[in-house]
C-alpha atoms as a PDB file:
ATOM      1  CA  MET A   1       7.556 -29.182  14.605  1.00  0.00           C
ATOM      2  CA  SER A   2       5.723 -26.676  15.770  1.00  0.00           C
ATOM      3  CA  TYR A   3       3.236 -29.033  17.518  1.00  0.00           C
ATOM      4  CA  GLU A   4       6.080 -31.250  19.274  1.00  0.00           C
ATOM      5  CA  LYS A   5       7.770 -27.342  20.135  1.00  0.00           C
ATOM      6  CA  VAL A   6       4.182 -27.381  22.052  1.00  0.00           C
ATOM      7  CA  LYS A   7       4.578 -30.345  23.318  1.00  0.00           C
ATOM      8  CA  GLN A   8       7.702 -30.460  24.580  1.00  0.00           C
ATOM      9  CA  ALA A   9       7.567 -27.286  26.450  1.00  0.00           C
ATOM     10  CA  LYS A  10       7.194 -27.344  30.461  1.00  0.00           C
ATOM     11  CA  LYS A  11       4.750 -24.626  30.874  1.00  0.00           C
ATOM     12  CA  THR A  12       2.012 -23.562  28.128  1.00  0.00           C
ATOM     13  CA  ILE A  13      -1.097 -21.413  28.259  1.00  0.00           C
ATOM     14  CA  VAL A  14      -4.096 -22.359  27.017  1.00  0.00           C
ATOM     15  CA  GLY A  15      -6.580 -20.343  25.061  1.00  0.00           C
ATOM     16  CA  ILE A  16      -6.811 -16.430  23.676  1.00  0.00           C
ATOM     17  CA  LYS A  17      -7.948 -15.008  27.037  1.00  0.00           C
ATOM     18  CA  GLN A  18      -5.091 -16.139  28.923  1.00  0.00           C
ATOM     19  CA  THR A  19      -2.411 -15.892  26.170  1.00  0.00           C
ATOM     20  CA  VAL A  20      -3.395 -12.268  26.370  1.00  0.00           C
ATOM     21  CA  LYS A  21      -3.280 -11.865  30.200  1.00  0.00           C
ATOM     22  CA  ALA A  22       0.192 -13.361  30.264  1.00  0.00           C
ATOM     23  CA  LEU A  23       1.403 -11.477  26.978  1.00  0.00           C
ATOM     24  CA  GLN A  24       0.267  -8.277  29.353  1.00  0.00           C
ATOM     25  CA  THR A  25       2.353  -9.757  32.240  1.00  0.00           C
ATOM     26  CA  GLY A  26       5.780 -10.503  29.870  1.00  0.00           C
ATOM     27  CA  HIS A  27       6.119 -14.017  30.545  1.00  0.00           C
ATOM     28  CA  VAL A  28       5.637 -15.553  26.695  1.00  0.00           C
ATOM     29  CA  THR A  29       8.329 -16.773  24.895  1.00  0.00           C
ATOM     30  CA  GLU A  30       6.558 -17.948  21.864  1.00  0.00           C
ATOM     31  CA  VAL A  31       2.900 -17.748  20.728  1.00  0.00           C
ATOM     32  CA  PHE A  32       0.829 -20.301  18.394  1.00  0.00           C
ATOM     33  CA  VAL A  33      -2.203 -19.648  16.395  1.00  0.00           C
ATOM     34  CA  ALA A  34      -4.044 -22.314  14.553  1.00  0.00           C
ATOM     35  CA  LEU A  35      -5.116 -20.941  10.652  1.00  0.00           C
ATOM     36  CA  ASP A  36      -8.203 -22.061  11.123  1.00  0.00           C
ATOM     37  CA  ALA A  37      -9.430 -19.878  14.438  1.00  0.00           C
ATOM     38  CA  ASP A  38     -11.263 -17.013  13.460  1.00  0.00           C
ATOM     39  CA  VAL A  39      -9.018 -14.051  12.588  1.00  0.00           C
ATOM     40  CA  ARG A  40     -11.446 -12.045  15.015  1.00  0.00           C
ATOM     41  CA  MET A  41     -11.016 -13.917  17.889  1.00  0.00           C
ATOM     42  CA  THR A  42      -7.009 -14.752  17.475  1.00  0.00           C
ATOM     43  CA  LYS A  43      -6.226 -10.931  16.156  1.00  0.00           C
ATOM     44  CA  ARG A  44      -5.844  -9.190  19.678  1.00  0.00           C
ATOM     45  CA  ALA A  45      -2.910 -11.942  20.769  1.00  0.00           C
ATOM     46  CA  VAL A  46      -1.391 -12.036  17.531  1.00  0.00           C
ATOM     47  CA  LEU A  47      -0.925  -8.030  17.385  1.00  0.00           C
ATOM     48  CA  LEU A  48       0.021  -7.560  21.167  1.00  0.00           C
ATOM     49  CA  ALA A  49       2.845 -10.144  20.444  1.00  0.00           C
ATOM     50  CA  GLN A  50       3.746  -8.270  17.648  1.00  0.00           C
ATOM     51  CA  ASN A  51       4.235  -5.495  19.220  1.00  0.00           C
ATOM     52  CA  LYS A  52       6.220  -6.884  22.474  1.00  0.00           C
ATOM     53  CA  GLY A  53       8.835  -8.685  19.515  1.00  0.00           C
ATOM     54  CA  ILE A  54       7.692 -12.059  20.736  1.00  0.00           C
ATOM     55  CA  PRO A  55       7.327 -14.620  18.007  1.00  0.00           C
ATOM     56  CA  VAL A  56       3.942 -15.753  16.643  1.00  0.00           C
ATOM     57  CA  VAL A  57       3.817 -19.294  14.555  1.00  0.00           C
ATOM     58  CA  LEU A  58       1.051 -20.287  12.563  1.00  0.00           C
ATOM     59  CA  VAL A  59      -0.058 -23.757  12.256  1.00  0.00           C
ATOM     60  CA  ASP A  60      -2.484 -25.453  10.748  1.00  0.00           C
ATOM     61  CA  SER A  61      -5.230 -26.901  13.084  1.00  0.00           C
ATOM     62  CA  LYS A  62      -6.908 -26.095  16.531  1.00  0.00           C
ATOM     63  CA  ARG A  63      -8.063 -29.221  17.119  1.00  0.00           C
ATOM     64  CA  GLU A  64      -4.105 -30.496  16.785  1.00  0.00           C
ATOM     65  CA  LEU A  65      -2.864 -27.765  18.909  1.00  0.00           C
ATOM     66  CA  GLY A  66      -5.598 -28.725  21.483  1.00  0.00           C
ATOM     67  CA  ARG A  67      -3.891 -31.958  21.179  1.00  0.00           C
ATOM     68  CA  ALA A  68      -0.735 -30.588  21.573  1.00  0.00           C
ATOM     69  CA  CYS A  69      -1.749 -28.879  24.688  1.00  0.00           C
ATOM     70  CA  LYS A  70      -2.831 -31.976  25.973  1.00  0.00           C
ATOM     71  CA  ILE A  71      -6.489 -30.646  26.174  1.00  0.00           C
ATOM     72  CA  GLN A  72      -9.778 -32.953  24.705  1.00  0.00           C
ATOM     73  CA  VAL A  73     -11.130 -29.944  22.416  1.00  0.00           C
ATOM     74  CA  GLY A  74      -9.261 -27.490  19.910  1.00  0.00           C
ATOM     75  CA  ALA A  75      -7.485 -24.215  21.107  1.00  0.00           C
ATOM     76  CA  ALA A  76      -6.936 -21.643  18.620  1.00  0.00           C
ATOM     77  CA  VAL A  77      -4.091 -19.833  20.455  1.00  0.00           C
ATOM     78  CA  CYS A  78      -2.067 -21.404  23.190  1.00  0.00           C
ATOM     79  CA  ALA A  79       1.592 -19.174  24.382  1.00  0.00           C
ATOM     80  CA  ILE A  80       4.875 -20.678  25.776  1.00  0.00           C
ATOM     81  CA  THR A  81       6.151 -19.193  28.785  1.00  0.00           C
ATOM     82  CA  GLU A  82       9.422 -19.097  30.778  1.00  0.00           C
ATOM     83  CA  TRP A  83       7.982 -19.881  34.448  1.00  0.00           C
END
């Protein structure tokens, strides 16, 4: 279900740095984090989302998350935005 939600989203942001920037601007509605990603890398995005009250969804695979985001490589973090 989570991968489908990412696939159907009109606007997604892929990557840790881009997701953190979008969280800081306040345009993110939901964050997706791959469980097989390095926690040290994803921790900042997860904590920022939780502090702002934005839902964080855990998914199993970076590879599948990357495919859902329509990229050729794995994605540790992605976000759905409202604009």
